[in-house]
């Protein structure tokens, strides 16, 4: 997925929940804005999960965006 598309998805107002399915089948669901982070160039996405857990997702590994 291209960084420009990720930026639009993450920064849309108002925020709407979305999911990402990776090439390896892992799925992440972002229910609120504080669930997601990214550097300015959006080459990676950071998923802030339960408690202190977080995962770094390479934009090139995103196979599908799931929107409601």
PDB file of N, CA and C in Angstrom:
ATOM      1  N   UNK A   1       0.851  -1.172   0.000  1.00  0.00           N
ATOM      2  CA  UNK A   1       0.000   0.000   0.000  1.00  0.00           C
ATOM      3  C   UNK A   1       0.895   1.233   0.000  1.00  0.00           C
ATOM      4  N   UNK A   2       0.477   2.243  -0.721  1.00  0.00           N
ATOM      5  CA  UNK A   2       1.270   3.450  -0.827  1.00  0.00           C
ATOM      6  C   UNK A   2       1.074   4.346   0.384  1.00  0.00           C
ATOM      7  N   UNK A   3       2.151   5.022   0.760  1.00  0.00           N
ATOM      8  CA  UNK A   3       2.136   5.894   1.933  1.00  0.00           C
ATOM      9  C   UNK A   3       1.069   6.984   1.818  1.00  0.00           C
ATOM     10  N   UNK A   4       0.870   7.509   0.631  1.00  0.00           N
ATOM     11  CA  UNK A   4      -0.125   8.569   0.433  1.00  0.00           C
ATOM     12  C   UNK A   4      -1.535   8.070   0.760  1.00  0.00           C
ATOM     13  N   UNK A   5      -1.844   6.838   0.383  1.00  0.00           N
ATOM     14  CA  UNK A   5      -3.152   6.251   0.676  1.00  0.00           C
ATOM     15  C   UNK A   5      -3.325   6.002   2.172  1.00  0.00           C
ATOM     16  N   UNK A   6      -2.255   5.547   2.829  1.00  0.00           N
ATOM     17  CA  UNK A   6      -2.303   5.333   4.274  1.00  0.00           C
ATOM     18  C   UNK A   6      -2.538   6.638   5.016  1.00  0.00           C
ATOM     19  N   UNK A   7      -1.872   7.679   4.581  1.00  0.00           N
ATOM     20  CA  UNK A   7      -2.034   9.003   5.210  1.00  0.00           C
ATOM     21  C   UNK A   7      -3.489   9.452   5.136  1.00  0.00           C
ATOM     22  N   UNK A   8      -4.104   9.327   3.976  1.00  0.00           N
ATOM     23  CA  UNK A   8      -5.519   9.707   3.815  1.00  0.00           C
ATOM     24  C   UNK A   8      -6.421   8.898   4.741  1.00  0.00           C
ATOM     25  N   UNK A   9      -6.178   7.599   4.818  1.00  0.00           N
ATOM     26  CA  UNK A   9      -6.979   6.705   5.634  1.00  0.00           C
ATOM     27  C   UNK A   9      -6.873   7.068   7.119  1.00  0.00           C
ATOM     28  N   UNK A  10      -5.673   7.282   7.581  1.00  0.00           N
ATOM     29  CA  UNK A  10      -5.439   7.541   8.999  1.00  0.00           C
ATOM     30  C   UNK A  10      -5.886   8.930   9.423  1.00  0.00           C
ATOM     31  N   UNK A  11      -5.708   9.910   8.552  1.00  0.00           N
ATOM     32  CA  UNK A  11      -5.996  11.294   8.931  1.00  0.00           C
ATOM     33  C   UNK A  11      -7.397  11.776   8.556  1.00  0.00           C
ATOM     34  N   UNK A  12      -8.234  10.911   8.033  1.00  0.00           N
ATOM     35  CA  UNK A  12      -9.562  11.378   7.628  1.00  0.00           C
ATOM     36  C   UNK A  12     -10.360  11.850   8.845  1.00  0.00           C
ATOM     37  N   UNK A  13     -11.157  12.873   8.616  1.00  0.00           N
ATOM     38  CA  UNK A  13     -11.983  13.486   9.663  1.00  0.00           C
ATOM     39  C   UNK A  13     -13.439  13.353   9.285  1.00  0.00           C
ATOM     40  N   UNK A  14     -14.281  12.880  10.174  1.00  0.00           N
ATOM     41  CA  UNK A  14     -13.915  12.318  11.459  1.00  0.00           C
ATOM     42  C   UNK A  14     -13.257  10.947  11.272  1.00  0.00           C
ATOM     43  N   UNK A  15     -12.511  10.534  12.275  1.00  0.00           N
ATOM     44  CA  UNK A  15     -11.855   9.222  12.230  1.00  0.00           C
ATOM     45  C   UNK A  15     -12.915   8.137  12.122  1.00  0.00           C
ATOM     46  N   UNK A  16     -12.678   7.171  11.250  1.00  0.00           N
ATOM     47  CA  UNK A  16     -13.561   6.003  11.131  1.00  0.00           C
ATOM     48  C   UNK A  16     -12.732   4.748  11.312  1.00  0.00           C
ATOM     49  N   UNK A  17     -13.228   3.794  12.097  1.00  0.00           N
ATOM     50  CA  UNK A  17     -12.479   2.554  12.324  1.00  0.00           C
ATOM     51  C   UNK A  17     -12.137   1.866  11.002  1.00  0.00           C
ATOM     52  N   UNK A  18     -10.999   1.186  10.991  1.00  0.00           N
ATOM     53  CA  UNK A  18     -10.579   0.435   9.810  1.00  0.00           C
ATOM     54  C   UNK A  18      -9.697  -0.715  10.256  1.00  0.00           C
ATOM     55  N   UNK A  19      -9.488  -1.646   9.369  1.00  0.00           N
ATOM     56  CA  UNK A  19      -8.621  -2.780   9.631  1.00  0.00           C
ATOM     57  C   UNK A  19      -7.593  -2.922   8.529  1.00  0.00           C
ATOM     58  N   UNK A  20      -6.512  -3.580   8.847  1.00  0.00           N
ATOM     59  CA  UNK A  20      -5.480  -3.882   7.865  1.00  0.00           C
ATOM     60  C   UNK A  20      -5.195  -5.376   7.916  1.00  0.00           C
ATOM     61  N   UNK A  21      -5.210  -6.007   6.749  1.00  0.00           N
ATOM     62  CA  UNK A  21      -4.814  -7.407   6.649  1.00  0.00           C
ATOM     63  C   UNK A  21      -3.467  -7.446   5.953  1.00  0.00           C
ATOM     64  N   UNK A  22      -2.516  -8.125   6.563  1.00  0.00           N
ATOM     65  CA  UNK A  22      -1.169  -8.202   6.017  1.00  0.00           C
ATOM     66  C   UNK A  22      -0.999  -9.395   5.089  1.00  0.00           C
ATOM     67  N   UNK A  23       0.086  -9.401   4.360  1.00  0.00           N
ATOM     68  CA  UNK A  23       0.395 -10.503   3.440  1.00  0.00           C
ATOM     69  C   UNK A  23       0.461 -11.848   4.149  1.00  0.00           C
ATOM     70  N   UNK A  24       0.824 -11.851   5.436  1.00  0.00           N
ATOM     71  CA  UNK A  24       0.938 -13.107   6.177  1.00  0.00           C
ATOM     72  C   UNK A  24      -0.383 -13.530   6.825  1.00  0.00           C
ATOM     73  N   UNK A  25      -1.465 -12.777   6.584  1.00  0.00           N
ATOM     74  CA  UNK A  25      -2.783 -13.115   7.111  1.00  0.00           C
ATOM     75  C   UNK A  25      -3.141 -12.446   8.424  1.00  0.00           C
ATOM     76  N   UNK A  26      -2.192 -11.811   9.081  1.00  0.00           N
ATOM     77  CA  UNK A  26      -2.470 -11.109  10.334  1.00  0.00           C
ATOM     78  C   UNK A  26      -3.370  -9.911  10.068  1.00  0.00           C
ATOM     79  N   UNK A  27      -4.333  -9.696  10.951  1.00  0.00           N
ATOM     80  CA  UNK A  27      -5.259  -8.575  10.818  1.00  0.00           C
ATOM     81  C   UNK A  27      -5.160  -7.676  12.045  1.00  0.00           C
ATOM     82  N   UNK A  28      -5.145  -6.382  11.824  1.00  0.00           N
ATOM     83  CA  UNK A  28      -5.143  -5.387  12.894  1.00  0.00           C
ATOM     84  C   UNK A  28      -6.371  -4.502  12.724  1.00  0.00           C
ATOM     85  N   UNK A  29      -7.049  -4.204  13.825  1.00  0.00           N
ATOM     86  CA  UNK A  29      -8.220  -3.340  13.790  1.00  0.00           C
ATOM     87  C   UNK A  29      -7.922  -2.072  14.578  1.00  0.00           C
ATOM     88  N   UNK A  30      -8.160  -0.943  13.945  1.00  0.00           N
ATOM     89  CA  UNK A  30      -7.931   0.368  14.552  1.00  0.00           C
ATOM     90  C   UNK A  30      -9.298   0.984  14.826  1.00  0.00           C
ATOM     91  N   UNK A  31      -9.707   0.973  16.099  1.00  0.00           N
ATOM     92  CA  UNK A  31     -11.041   1.448  16.465  1.00  0.00           C
ATOM     93  C   UNK A  31     -11.095   2.922  16.826  1.00  0.00           C
ATOM     94  N   UNK A  32      -9.976   3.495  17.187  1.00  0.00           N
ATOM     95  CA  UNK A  32      -9.941   4.913  17.533  1.00  0.00           C
ATOM     96  C   UNK A  32      -8.587   5.497  17.154  1.00  0.00           C
ATOM     97  N   UNK A  33      -8.503   6.811  17.027  1.00  0.00           N
ATOM     98  CA  UNK A  33      -7.274   7.440  16.543  1.00  0.00           C
ATOM     99  C   UNK A  33      -6.037   7.082  17.359  1.00  0.00           C
ATOM    100  N   UNK A  34      -6.176   6.885  18.643  1.00  0.00           N
ATOM    101  CA  UNK A  34      -4.986   6.596  19.450  1.00  0.00           C
ATOM    102  C   UNK A  34      -4.488   5.161  19.283  1.00  0.00           C
ATOM    103  N   UNK A  35      -5.181   4.360  18.503  1.00  0.00           N
ATOM    104  CA  UNK A  35      -4.728   2.995  18.194  1.00  0.00           C
ATOM    105  C   UNK A  35      -3.645   2.979  17.119  1.00  0.00           C
ATOM    106  N   UNK A  36      -3.449   4.084  16.432  1.00  0.00           N
ATOM    107  CA  UNK A  36      -2.536   4.123  15.286  1.00  0.00           C
ATOM    108  C   UNK A  36      -1.551   5.279  15.404  1.00  0.00           C
ATOM    109  N   UNK A  37      -0.326   5.020  14.951  1.00  0.00           N
ATOM    110  CA  UNK A  37       0.697   6.045  14.882  1.00  0.00           C
ATOM    111  C   UNK A  37       1.509   5.832  13.623  1.00  0.00           C
ATOM    112  N   UNK A  38       2.205   6.874  13.200  1.00  0.00           N
ATOM    113  CA  UNK A  38       3.024   6.762  11.993  1.00  0.00           C
ATOM    114  C   UNK A  38       4.022   7.912  11.948  1.00  0.00           C
ATOM    115  N   UNK A  39       5.203   7.663  11.379  1.00  0.00           N
ATOM    116  CA  UNK A  39       6.122   8.774  11.140  1.00  0.00           C
ATOM    117  C   UNK A  39       5.574   9.638  10.005  1.00  0.00           C
ATOM    118  N   UNK A  40       6.155  10.751   9.794  1.00  0.00           N
ATOM    119  CA  UNK A  40       5.635  11.696   8.790  1.00  0.00           C
ATOM    120  C   UNK A  40       5.544  11.133   7.374  1.00  0.00           C
ATOM    121  N   UNK A  41       6.417  10.197   7.051  1.00  0.00           N
ATOM    122  CA  UNK A  41       6.384   9.651   5.682  1.00  0.00           C
ATOM    123  C   UNK A  41       5.495   8.411   5.535  1.00  0.00           C
ATOM    124  N   UNK A  42       4.898   7.927   6.621  1.00  0.00           N
ATOM    125  CA  UNK A  42       3.946   6.814   6.606  1.00  0.00           C
ATOM    126  C   UNK A  42       4.501   5.531   5.986  1.00  0.00           C
ATOM    127  N   UNK A  43       5.803   5.333   6.051  1.00  0.00           N
ATOM    128  CA  UNK A  43       6.368   4.085   5.507  1.00  0.00           C
ATOM    129  C   UNK A  43       6.127   2.903   6.430  1.00  0.00           C
ATOM    130  N   UNK A  44       5.808   3.178   7.694  1.00  0.00           N
ATOM    131  CA  UNK A  44       5.385   2.157   8.644  1.00  0.00           C
ATOM    132  C   UNK A  44       4.184   2.690   9.421  1.00  0.00           C
ATOM    133  N   UNK A  45       3.389   1.777   9.952  1.00  0.00           N
ATOM    134  CA  UNK A  45       2.251   2.115  10.802  1.00  0.00           C
ATOM    135  C   UNK A  45       2.517   1.437  12.142  1.00  0.00           C
ATOM    136  N   UNK A  46       2.199   2.120  13.202  1.00  0.00           N
ATOM    137  CA  UNK A  46       2.351   1.527  14.523  1.00  0.00           C
ATOM    138  C   UNK A  46       0.963   1.275  15.093  1.00  0.00           C
ATOM    139  N   UNK A  47       0.729   0.016  15.461  1.00  0.00           N
ATOM    140  CA  UNK A  47      -0.536  -0.394  16.063  1.00  0.00           C
ATOM    141  C   UNK A  47      -0.325  -0.463  17.571  1.00  0.00           C
ATOM    142  N   UNK A  48      -1.086   0.344  18.304  1.00  0.00           N
ATOM    143  CA  UNK A  48      -1.029   0.335  19.759  1.00  0.00           C
ATOM    144  C   UNK A  48      -2.173  -0.532  20.253  1.00  0.00           C
ATOM    145  N   UNK A  49      -1.837  -1.702  20.723  1.00  0.00           N
ATOM    146  CA  UNK A  49      -2.842  -2.669  21.150  1.00  0.00           C
ATOM    147  C   UNK A  49      -3.130  -2.595  22.636  1.00  0.00           C
ATOM    148  N   UNK A  50      -3.467  -3.728  23.185  1.00  0.00           N
ATOM    149  CA  UNK A  50      -3.803  -3.841  24.601  1.00  0.00           C
ATOM    150  C   UNK A  50      -2.622  -3.433  25.482  1.00  0.00           C
ATOM    151  N   UNK A  51      -2.933  -2.726  26.555  1.00  0.00           N
ATOM    152  CA  UNK A  51      -1.949  -2.332  27.572  1.00  0.00           C
ATOM    153  C   UNK A  51      -0.751  -1.642  26.941  1.00  0.00           C
ATOM    154  N   UNK A  52       0.444  -2.171  27.155  1.00  0.00           N
ATOM    155  CA  UNK A  52       1.664  -1.536  26.647  1.00  0.00           C
ATOM    156  C   UNK A  52       2.161  -2.154  25.346  1.00  0.00           C
ATOM    157  N   UNK A  53       1.363  -3.023  24.738  1.00  0.00           N
ATOM    158  CA  UNK A  53       1.788  -3.711  23.523  1.00  0.00           C
ATOM    159  C   UNK A  53       1.695  -2.797  22.306  1.00  0.00           C
ATOM    160  N   UNK A  54       2.608  -2.975  21.387  1.00  0.00           N
ATOM    161  CA  UNK A  54       2.550  -2.267  20.107  1.00  0.00           C
ATOM    162  C   UNK A  54       3.238  -3.109  19.050  1.00  0.00           C
ATOM    163  N   UNK A  55       2.837  -2.882  17.812  1.00  0.00           N
ATOM    164  CA  UNK A  55       3.394  -3.601  16.667  1.00  0.00           C
ATOM    165  C   UNK A  55       3.727  -2.598  15.573  1.00  0.00           C
ATOM    166  N   UNK A  56       4.852  -2.796  14.915  1.00  0.00           N
ATOM    167  CA  UNK A  56       5.224  -1.954  13.791  1.00  0.00           C
ATOM    168  C   UNK A  56       4.882  -2.697  12.504  1.00  0.00           C
ATOM    169  N   UNK A  57       4.135  -2.052  11.628  1.00  0.00           N
ATOM    170  CA  UNK A  57       3.663  -2.675  10.390  1.00  0.00           C
ATOM    171  C   UNK A  57       4.293  -1.950   9.200  1.00  0.00           C
ATOM    172  N   UNK A  58       5.003  -2.689   8.379  1.00  0.00           N
ATOM    173  CA  UNK A  58       5.592  -2.132   7.172  1.00  0.00           C
ATOM    174  C   UNK A  58       4.486  -1.909   6.136  1.00  0.00           C
ATOM    175  N   UNK A  59       4.407  -0.745   5.575  1.00  0.00           N
ATOM    176  CA  UNK A  59       3.355  -0.422   4.612  1.00  0.00           C
ATOM    177  C   UNK A  59       3.364  -1.375   3.418  1.00  0.00           C
ATOM    178  N   UNK A  60       4.526  -1.877   3.045  1.00  0.00           N
ATOM    179  CA  UNK A  60       4.615  -2.796   1.914  1.00  0.00           C
ATOM    180  C   UNK A  60       4.001  -4.170   2.206  1.00  0.00           C
ATOM    181  N   UNK A  61       3.771  -4.478   3.484  1.00  0.00           N
ATOM    182  CA  UNK A  61       3.214  -5.778   3.834  1.00  0.00           C
ATOM    183  C   UNK A  61       1.686  -5.754   3.945  1.00  0.00           C
ATOM    184  N   UNK A  62       1.064  -4.614   3.683  1.00  0.00           N
ATOM    185  CA  UNK A  62      -0.398  -4.511   3.763  1.00  0.00           C
ATOM    186  C   UNK A  62      -1.020  -5.051   2.484  1.00  0.00           C
ATOM    187  N   UNK A  63      -1.847  -6.082   2.639  1.00  0.00           N
ATOM    188  CA  UNK A  63      -2.507  -6.704   1.494  1.00  0.00           C
ATOM    189  C   UNK A  63      -3.899  -6.121   1.256  1.00  0.00           C
ATOM    190  N   UNK A  64      -4.566  -5.693   2.328  1.00  0.00           N
ATOM    191  CA  UNK A  64      -5.949  -5.237   2.196  1.00  0.00           C
ATOM    192  C   UNK A  64      -6.284  -4.253   3.300  1.00  0.00           C
ATOM    193  N   UNK A  65      -7.080  -3.256   2.950  1.00  0.00           N
ATOM    194  CA  UNK A  65      -7.655  -2.330   3.925  1.00  0.00           C
ATOM    195  C   UNK A  65      -9.115  -2.703   4.088  1.00  0.00           C
ATOM    196  N   UNK A  66      -9.543  -2.828   5.333  1.00  0.00           N
ATOM    197  CA  UNK A  66     -10.930  -3.202   5.625  1.00  0.00           C
ATOM    198  C   UNK A  66     -11.617  -1.997   6.238  1.00  0.00           C
ATOM    199  N   UNK A  67     -12.608  -1.463   5.549  1.00  0.00           N
ATOM    200  CA  UNK A  67     -13.336  -0.305   6.058  1.00  0.00           C
ATOM    201  C   UNK A  67     -14.809  -0.650   6.220  1.00  0.00           C
ATOM    202  N   UNK A  68     -15.447   0.106   7.093  1.00  0.00           N
ATOM    203  CA  UNK A  68     -16.878  -0.126   7.334  1.00  0.00           C
ATOM    204  C   UNK A  68     -17.709   0.856   6.549  1.00  0.00           C
TER     205      UNK A  68
END
